[in-house]
Structures are given as C-alpha cells and as structure tokens.
Amino acid sequence: MPSAPAYERLLYDALIGDATLFLRSDEVEASWRFADALTAQWGRDSKVPMRSYEAGSWGPEAADGLFQGCEGGWSKG
C-alpha cells in the first residue's frame, strides 16, 4: 500500500483487520484511570484552575496565551 494520510491508514487497517496501530481495551481503560485520578487530584489541590470549554469549540480562551511572545497559533490541521 502506498503512503497515505494517517486517518486513511487507520481506516484501511481497520478494514483489513490489522490492529497494530490500535490500543487494546485494557490500555484504554488504564489511560482513563490515570486521567481520572489526575483530574480528581487537580480539582482538590491545584492553584492552577482546570479550564473547561464547549465540545466542538476551539478550547478555552486561556489557551491562546500559550503562544504569547512567539510565532504560532491553533489550527484545524
């Protein structure tokens, strides 16, 4: 198969049953346990607020500050 964009490759692999680039369910569940514990602790102790935003949006306005003083910005890819 010739080189293809990442999502095209994933879709192709899914269609032919090649799970090499996919996480197993136990890996996904472990990732969520880690993320849930992190966000719970962050909510209890952090002096830095956790930002929330609407699904489908460009994210919290505070994220724009990450590029302050340098070239760059958020894009849709």
PDB file of N, CA and C in Angstrom:
ATOM      1  N   MET A   1       0.852  -1.194   0.000  1.00  0.00           N
ATOM      2  CA  MET A   1       0.000   0.000   0.000  1.00  0.00           C
ATOM      3  C   MET A   1       0.882   1.237   0.000  1.00  0.00           C
ATOM      4  N   PRO A   2       0.631   2.203  -0.885  1.00  0.00           N
ATOM      5  CA  PRO A   2       1.415   3.438  -0.914  1.00  0.00           C
ATOM      6  C   PRO A   2       1.157   4.260   0.348  1.00  0.00           C
ATOM      7  N   SER A   3       2.041   5.212   0.592  1.00  0.00           N
ATOM      8  CA  SER A   3       1.904   6.093   1.762  1.00  0.00           C
ATOM      9  C   SER A   3       0.554   6.818   1.706  1.00  0.00           C
ATOM     10  N   ALA A   4      -0.087   6.938   2.873  1.00  0.00           N
ATOM     11  CA  ALA A   4      -1.404   7.585   2.931  1.00  0.00           C
ATOM     12  C   ALA A   4      -1.490   8.446   4.187  1.00  0.00           C
ATOM     13  N   PRO A   5      -2.366   9.446   4.190  1.00  0.00           N
ATOM     14  CA  PRO A   5      -2.567  10.232   5.404  1.00  0.00           C
ATOM     15  C   PRO A   5      -2.961   9.328   6.574  1.00  0.00           C
ATOM     16  N   ALA A   6      -2.683   9.784   7.772  1.00  0.00           N
ATOM     17  CA  ALA A   6      -2.830   8.958   8.974  1.00  0.00           C
ATOM     18  C   ALA A   6      -4.219   8.335   9.120  1.00  0.00           C
ATOM     19  N   TYR A   7      -5.267   9.103   8.984  1.00  0.00           N
ATOM     20  CA  TYR A   7      -6.609   8.548   9.188  1.00  0.00           C
ATOM     21  C   TYR A   7      -6.974   7.561   8.084  1.00  0.00           C
ATOM     22  N   GLU A   8      -6.530   7.833   6.888  1.00  0.00           N
ATOM     23  CA  GLU A   8      -6.772   6.890   5.795  1.00  0.00           C
ATOM     24  C   GLU A   8      -6.090   5.565   6.104  1.00  0.00           C
ATOM     25  N   ARG A   9      -4.889   5.650   6.645  1.00  0.00           N
ATOM     26  CA  ARG A   9      -4.159   4.431   7.025  1.00  0.00           C
ATOM     27  C   ARG A   9      -4.906   3.673   8.113  1.00  0.00           C
ATOM     28  N   LEU A  10      -5.392   4.385   9.141  1.00  0.00           N
ATOM     29  CA  LEU A  10      -6.123   3.721  10.219  1.00  0.00           C
ATOM     30  C   LEU A  10      -7.394   3.051   9.712  1.00  0.00           C
ATOM     31  N   LEU A  11      -8.123   3.751   8.862  1.00  0.00           N
ATOM     32  CA  LEU A  11      -9.348   3.172   8.307  1.00  0.00           C
ATOM     33  C   LEU A  11      -9.030   1.928   7.478  1.00  0.00           C
ATOM     34  N   TYR A  12      -7.984   2.022   6.682  1.00  0.00           N
ATOM     35  CA  TYR A  12      -7.585   0.873   5.870  1.00  0.00           C
ATOM     36  C   TYR A  12      -7.215  -0.305   6.771  1.00  0.00           C
ATOM     37  N   ASP A  13      -6.409  -0.039   7.799  1.00  0.00           N
ATOM     38  CA  ASP A  13      -6.012  -1.104   8.716  1.00  0.00           C
ATOM     39  C   ASP A  13      -7.223  -1.721   9.410  1.00  0.00           C
ATOM     40  N   ALA A  14      -8.187  -0.897   9.782  1.00  0.00           N
ATOM     41  CA  ALA A  14      -9.397  -1.423  10.421  1.00  0.00           C
ATOM     42  C   ALA A  14     -10.159  -2.334   9.454  1.00  0.00           C
ATOM     43  N   LEU A  15     -10.245  -1.929   8.208  1.00  0.00           N
ATOM     44  CA  LEU A  15     -10.974  -2.719   7.220  1.00  0.00           C
ATOM     45  C   LEU A  15     -10.320  -4.072   6.948  1.00  0.00           C
ATOM     46  N   ILE A  16      -8.986  -4.106   7.002  1.00  0.00           N
ATOM     47  CA  ILE A  16      -8.311  -5.374   6.728  1.00  0.00           C
ATOM     48  C   ILE A  16      -8.018  -6.170   8.005  1.00  0.00           C
ATOM     49  N   GLY A  17      -8.408  -5.612   9.160  1.00  0.00           N
ATOM     50  CA  GLY A  17      -8.244  -6.332  10.419  1.00  0.00           C
ATOM     51  C   GLY A  17      -6.860  -6.244  11.036  1.00  0.00           C
ATOM     52  N   ASP A  18      -6.068  -5.255  10.649  1.00  0.00           N
ATOM     53  CA  ASP A  18      -4.726  -5.061  11.219  1.00  0.00           C
ATOM     54  C   ASP A  18      -4.823  -4.123  12.413  1.00  0.00           C
ATOM     55  N   ALA A  19      -4.660  -4.650  13.622  1.00  0.00           N
ATOM     56  CA  ALA A  19      -4.807  -3.859  14.847  1.00  0.00           C
ATOM     57  C   ALA A  19      -3.478  -3.305  15.363  1.00  0.00           C
ATOM     58  N   THR A  20      -2.434  -3.356  14.575  1.00  0.00           N
ATOM     59  CA  THR A  20      -1.110  -2.929  15.015  1.00  0.00           C
ATOM     60  C   THR A  20      -1.098  -1.515  15.578  1.00  0.00           C
ATOM     61  N   LEU A  21      -1.789  -0.572  14.951  1.00  0.00           N
ATOM     62  CA  LEU A  21      -1.751   0.824  15.372  1.00  0.00           C
ATOM     63  C   LEU A  21      -2.867   1.197  16.344  1.00  0.00           C
ATOM     64  N   PHE A  22      -3.632   0.227  16.812  1.00  0.00           N
ATOM     65  CA  PHE A  22      -4.748   0.489  17.708  1.00  0.00           C
ATOM     66  C   PHE A  22      -4.406   0.057  19.124  1.00  0.00           C
ATOM     67  N   LEU A  23      -4.923   0.789  20.107  1.00  0.00           N
ATOM     68  CA  LEU A  23      -4.758   0.398  21.503  1.00  0.00           C
ATOM     69  C   LEU A  23      -5.700  -0.741  21.847  1.00  0.00           C
ATOM     70  N   ARG A  24      -5.254  -1.607  22.753  1.00  0.00           N
ATOM     71  CA  ARG A  24      -6.140  -2.648  23.279  1.00  0.00           C
ATOM     72  C   ARG A  24      -7.061  -2.003  24.310  1.00  0.00           C
ATOM     73  N   SER A  25      -8.173  -2.662  24.606  1.00  0.00           N
ATOM     74  CA  SER A  25      -9.146  -2.099  25.544  1.00  0.00           C
ATOM     75  C   SER A  25      -8.556  -1.915  26.935  1.00  0.00           C
ATOM     76  N   ASP A  26      -7.675  -2.812  27.384  1.00  0.00           N
ATOM     77  CA  ASP A  26      -7.078  -2.648  28.712  1.00  0.00           C
ATOM     78  C   ASP A  26      -6.155  -1.432  28.761  1.00  0.00           C
ATOM     79  N   GLU A  27      -5.516  -1.100  27.639  1.00  0.00           N
ATOM     80  CA  GLU A  27      -4.683   0.099  27.583  1.00  0.00           C
ATOM     81  C   GLU A  27      -5.534   1.362  27.657  1.00  0.00           C
ATOM     82  N   VAL A  28      -6.657   1.352  26.965  1.00  0.00           N
ATOM     83  CA  VAL A  28      -7.563   2.497  27.004  1.00  0.00           C
ATOM     84  C   VAL A  28      -8.108   2.690  28.419  1.00  0.00           C
ATOM     85  N   GLU A  29      -8.534   1.603  29.051  1.00  0.00           N
ATOM     86  CA  GLU A  29      -9.065   1.690  30.411  1.00  0.00           C
ATOM     87  C   GLU A  29      -8.008   2.180  31.394  1.00  0.00           C
ATOM     88  N   ALA A  30      -6.768   1.733  31.257  1.00  0.00           N
ATOM     89  CA  ALA A  30      -5.685   2.206  32.130  1.00  0.00           C
ATOM     90  C   ALA A  30      -5.429   3.695  31.920  1.00  0.00           C
ATOM     91  N   SER A  31      -5.506   4.150  30.677  1.00  0.00           N
ATOM     92  CA  SER A  31      -5.321   5.568  30.384  1.00  0.00           C
ATOM     93  C   SER A  31      -6.397   6.412  31.056  1.00  0.00           C
ATOM     94  N   TRP A  32      -7.652   5.931  31.004  1.00  0.00           N
ATOM     95  CA  TRP A  32      -8.741   6.674  31.643  1.00  0.00           C
ATOM     96  C   TRP A  32      -8.603   6.672  33.159  1.00  0.00           C
ATOM     97  N   ARG A  33      -8.149   5.564  33.761  1.00  0.00           N
ATOM     98  CA  ARG A  33      -7.931   5.539  35.213  1.00  0.00           C
ATOM     99  C   ARG A  33      -6.887   6.584  35.599  1.00  0.00           C
ATOM    100  N   PHE A  34      -5.821   6.668  34.819  1.00  0.00           N
ATOM    101  CA  PHE A  34      -4.777   7.653  35.078  1.00  0.00           C
ATOM    102  C   PHE A  34      -5.338   9.078  34.940  1.00  0.00           C
ATOM    103  N   ALA A  35      -6.040   9.338  33.842  1.00  0.00           N
ATOM    104  CA  ALA A  35      -6.578  10.681  33.610  1.00  0.00           C
ATOM    105  C   ALA A  35      -7.613  11.055  34.658  1.00  0.00           C
ATOM    106  N   ASP A  36      -8.469  10.131  35.042  1.00  0.00           N
ATOM    107  CA  ASP A  36      -9.477  10.413  36.072  1.00  0.00           C
ATOM    108  C   ASP A  36      -8.831  10.731  37.414  1.00  0.00           C
ATOM    109  N   ALA A  37      -7.800   9.983  37.791  1.00  0.00           N
ATOM    110  CA  ALA A  37      -7.100  10.255  39.047  1.00  0.00           C
ATOM    111  C   ALA A  37      -6.406  11.607  39.001  1.00  0.00           C
ATOM    112  N   LEU A  38      -5.815  11.935  37.876  1.00  0.00           N
ATOM    113  CA  LEU A  38      -5.140  13.216  37.716  1.00  0.00           C
ATOM    114  C   LEU A  38      -6.125  14.373  37.837  1.00  0.00           C
ATOM    115  N   THR A  39      -7.246  14.301  37.129  1.00  0.00           N
ATOM    116  CA  THR A  39      -8.209  15.396  37.189  1.00  0.00           C
ATOM    117  C   THR A  39      -8.860  15.499  38.569  1.00  0.00           C
ATOM    118  N   ALA A  40      -9.070  14.391  39.253  1.00  0.00           N
ATOM    119  CA  ALA A  40      -9.632  14.438  40.606  1.00  0.00           C
ATOM    120  C   ALA A  40      -8.662  15.132  41.552  1.00  0.00           C
ATOM    121  N   GLN A  41      -7.394  14.781  41.475  1.00  0.00           N
ATOM    122  CA  GLN A  41      -6.391  15.418  42.338  1.00  0.00           C
ATOM    123  C   GLN A  41      -6.247  16.886  41.997  1.00  0.00           C
ATOM    124  N   TRP A  42      -6.259  17.199  40.727  1.00  0.00           N
ATOM    125  CA  TRP A  42      -6.140  18.582  40.286  1.00  0.00           C
ATOM    126  C   TRP A  42      -7.287  19.400  40.870  1.00  0.00           C
ATOM    127  N   GLY A  43      -8.477  18.849  40.862  1.00  0.00           N
ATOM    128  CA  GLY A  43      -9.638  19.558  41.403  1.00  0.00           C
ATOM    129  C   GLY A  43      -9.538  19.803  42.894  1.00  0.00           C
ATOM    130  N   ARG A  44      -8.810  18.965  43.622  1.00  0.00           N
ATOM    131  CA  ARG A  44      -8.667  19.128  45.077  1.00  0.00           C
ATOM    132  C   ARG A  44      -7.576  20.103  45.465  1.00  0.00           C
ATOM    133  N   ASP A  45      -6.443  20.087  44.760  1.00  0.00           N
ATOM    134  CA  ASP A  45      -5.260  20.780  45.240  1.00  0.00           C
ATOM    135  C   ASP A  45      -4.737  21.936  44.398  1.00  0.00           C
ATOM    136  N   SER A  46      -4.985  21.935  43.152  1.00  0.00           N
ATOM    137  CA  SER A  46      -4.255  22.820  42.255  1.00  0.00           C
ATOM    138  C   SER A  46      -4.583  24.287  42.458  1.00  0.00           C
ATOM    139  N   LYS A  47      -3.510  25.083  42.402  1.00  0.00           N
ATOM    140  CA  LYS A  47      -3.671  26.532  42.401  1.00  0.00           C
ATOM    141  C   LYS A  47      -3.934  27.031  40.980  1.00  0.00           C
ATOM    142  N   VAL A  48      -3.705  26.148  40.012  1.00  0.00           N
ATOM    143  CA  VAL A  48      -3.967  26.465  38.612  1.00  0.00           C
ATOM    144  C   VAL A  48      -5.324  25.886  38.252  1.00  0.00           C
ATOM    145  N   PRO A  49      -6.254  26.727  37.807  1.00  0.00           N
ATOM    146  CA  PRO A  49      -7.593  26.210  37.505  1.00  0.00           C
ATOM    147  C   PRO A  49      -7.601  25.285  36.294  1.00  0.00           C
ATOM    148  N   MET A  50      -8.469  24.299  36.336  1.00  0.00           N
ATOM    149  CA  MET A  50      -8.676  23.449  35.168  1.00  0.00           C
ATOM    150  C   MET A  50      -9.695  24.157  34.275  1.00  0.00           C
ATOM    151  N   ARG A  51      -9.315  24.373  33.065  1.00  0.00           N
ATOM    152  CA  ARG A  51     -10.195  25.083  32.122  1.00  0.00           C
ATOM    153  C   ARG A  51     -11.163  24.109  31.477  1.00  0.00           C
ATOM    154  N   SER A  52     -12.375  24.546  31.290  1.00  0.00           N
ATOM    155  CA  SER A  52     -13.342  23.735  30.560  1.00  0.00           C
ATOM    156  C   SER A  52     -13.832  24.545  29.359  1.00  0.00           C
ATOM    157  N   TYR A  53     -14.418  23.852  28.420  1.00  0.00           N
ATOM    158  CA  TYR A  53     -14.896  24.511  27.210  1.00  0.00           C
ATOM    159  C   TYR A  53     -15.932  23.631  26.543  1.00  0.00           C
ATOM    160  N   GLU A  54     -16.702  24.221  25.675  1.00  0.00           N
ATOM    161  CA  GLU A  54     -17.760  23.522  24.964  1.00  0.00           C
ATOM    162  C   GLU A  54     -17.179  22.575  23.913  1.00  0.00           C
ATOM    163  N   ALA A  55     -17.748  21.412  23.811  1.00  0.00           N
ATOM    164  CA  ALA A  55     -17.330  20.471  22.774  1.00  0.00           C
ATOM    165  C   ALA A  55     -17.505  21.114  21.404  1.00  0.00           C
ATOM    166  N   GLY A  56     -16.556  20.918  20.537  1.00  0.00           N
ATOM    167  CA  GLY A  56     -16.613  21.471  19.194  1.00  0.00           C
ATOM    168  C   GLY A  56     -16.061  22.881  19.092  1.00  0.00           C
ATOM    169  N   SER A  57     -15.709  23.480  20.230  1.00  0.00           N
ATOM    170  CA  SER A  57     -15.154  24.831  20.206  1.00  0.00           C
ATOM    171  C   SER A  57     -13.645  24.769  20.002  1.00  0.00           C
ATOM    172  N   TRP A  58     -13.012  25.925  19.971  1.00  0.00           N
ATOM    173  CA  TRP A  58     -11.565  25.995  19.824  1.00  0.00           C
ATOM    174  C   TRP A  58     -10.863  25.860  21.172  1.00  0.00           C
ATOM    175  N   GLY A  59     -11.579  25.572  22.215  1.00  0.00           N
ATOM    176  CA  GLY A  59     -10.969  25.407  23.529  1.00  0.00           C
ATOM    177  C   GLY A  59     -11.093  26.673  24.369  1.00  0.00           C
ATOM    178  N   PRO A  60     -10.555  26.627  25.577  1.00  0.00           N
ATOM    179  CA  PRO A  60     -10.673  27.785  26.465  1.00  0.00           C
ATOM    180  C   PRO A  60      -9.862  28.964  25.943  1.00  0.00           C
ATOM    181  N   GLU A  61     -10.351  30.177  26.215  1.00  0.00           N
ATOM    182  CA  GLU A  61      -9.646  31.377  25.754  1.00  0.00           C
ATOM    183  C   GLU A  61      -8.235  31.443  26.329  1.00  0.00           C
ATOM    184  N   ALA A  62      -8.037  30.896  27.524  1.00  0.00           N
ATOM    185  CA  ALA A  62      -6.713  30.920  28.149  1.00  0.00           C
ATOM    186  C   ALA A  62      -5.676  30.181  27.308  1.00  0.00           C
ATOM    187  N   ALA A  63      -6.100  29.269  26.450  1.00  0.00           N
ATOM    188  CA  ALA A  63      -5.157  28.524  25.613  1.00  0.00           C
ATOM    189  C   ALA A  63      -4.442  29.437  24.626  1.00  0.00           C
ATOM    190  N   ASP A  64      -5.070  30.544  24.257  1.00  0.00           N
ATOM    191  CA  ASP A  64      -4.426  31.471  23.332  1.00  0.00           C
ATOM    192  C   ASP A  64      -3.143  32.033  23.929  1.00  0.00           C
ATOM    193  N   GLY A  65      -3.084  32.128  25.255  1.00  0.00           N
ATOM    194  CA  GLY A  65      -1.899  32.651  25.926  1.00  0.00           C
ATOM    195  C   GLY A  65      -0.691  31.750  25.806  1.00  0.00           C
ATOM    196  N   LEU A  66      -0.883  30.497  25.428  1.00  0.00           N
ATOM    197  CA  LEU A  66       0.249  29.585  25.278  1.00  0.00           C
ATOM    198  C   LEU A  66       1.194  30.030  24.171  1.00  0.00           C
ATOM    199  N   PHE A  67       0.691  30.804  23.219  1.00  0.00           N
ATOM    200  CA  PHE A  67       1.515  31.263  22.107  1.00  0.00           C
ATOM    201  C   PHE A  67       2.000  32.691  22.295  1.00  0.00           C
ATOM    202  N   GLN A  68       1.763  33.274  23.464  1.00  0.00           N
ATOM    203  CA  GLN A  68       2.147  34.656  23.709  1.00  0.00           C
ATOM    204  C   GLN A  68       3.670  34.793  23.594  1.00  0.00           C
ATOM    205  N   GLY A  69       4.113  35.746  22.804  1.00  0.00           N
ATOM    206  CA  GLY A  69       5.535  36.002  22.657  1.00  0.00           C
ATOM    207  C   GLY A  69       6.243  35.143  21.631  1.00  0.00           C
ATOM    208  N   CYS A  70       5.517  34.331  20.895  1.00  0.00           N
ATOM    209  CA  CYS A  70       6.163  33.519  19.865  1.00  0.00           C
ATOM    210  C   CYS A  70       5.231  33.387  18.669  1.00  0.00           C
ATOM    211  N   GLU A  71       5.813  32.964  17.578  1.00  0.00           N
ATOM    212  CA  GLU A  71       5.000  32.728  16.402  1.00  0.00           C
ATOM    213  C   GLU A  71       4.201  31.450  16.600  1.00  0.00           C
ATOM    214  N   GLY A  72       3.016  31.415  16.080  1.00  0.00           N
ATOM    215  CA  GLY A  72       2.233  30.209  16.147  1.00  0.00           C
ATOM    216  C   GLY A  72       0.811  30.500  16.554  1.00  0.00           C
ATOM    217  N   GLY A  73       0.013  29.494  16.490  1.00  0.00           N
ATOM    218  CA  GLY A  73      -1.380  29.605  16.862  1.00  0.00           C
ATOM    219  C   GLY A  73      -2.063  28.277  16.634  1.00  0.00           C
ATOM    220  N   TRP A  74      -3.286  28.192  17.053  1.00  0.00           N
ATOM    221  CA  TRP A  74      -4.055  26.967  16.893  1.00  0.00           C
ATOM    222  C   TRP A  74      -4.588  26.875  15.475  1.00  0.00           C
ATOM    223  N   SER A  75      -4.668  25.680  14.954  1.00  0.00           N
ATOM    224  CA  SER A  75      -5.239  25.489  13.625  1.00  0.00           C
ATOM    225  C   SER A  75      -6.004  24.181  13.605  1.00  0.00           C
ATOM    226  N   LYS A  76      -6.792  23.999  12.601  1.00  0.00           N
ATOM    227  CA  LYS A  76      -7.552  22.758  12.444  1.00  0.00           C
ATOM    228  C   LYS A  76      -6.727  21.685  11.746  1.00  0.00           C
ATOM    229  N   GLY A  77      -5.454  21.921  11.587  1.00  0.00           N
ATOM    230  CA  GLY A  77      -4.568  20.927  10.982  1.00  0.00           C
ATOM    231  C   GLY A  77      -4.380  21.168   9.569  1.00  0.00           C
TER     232      GLY A  77
END
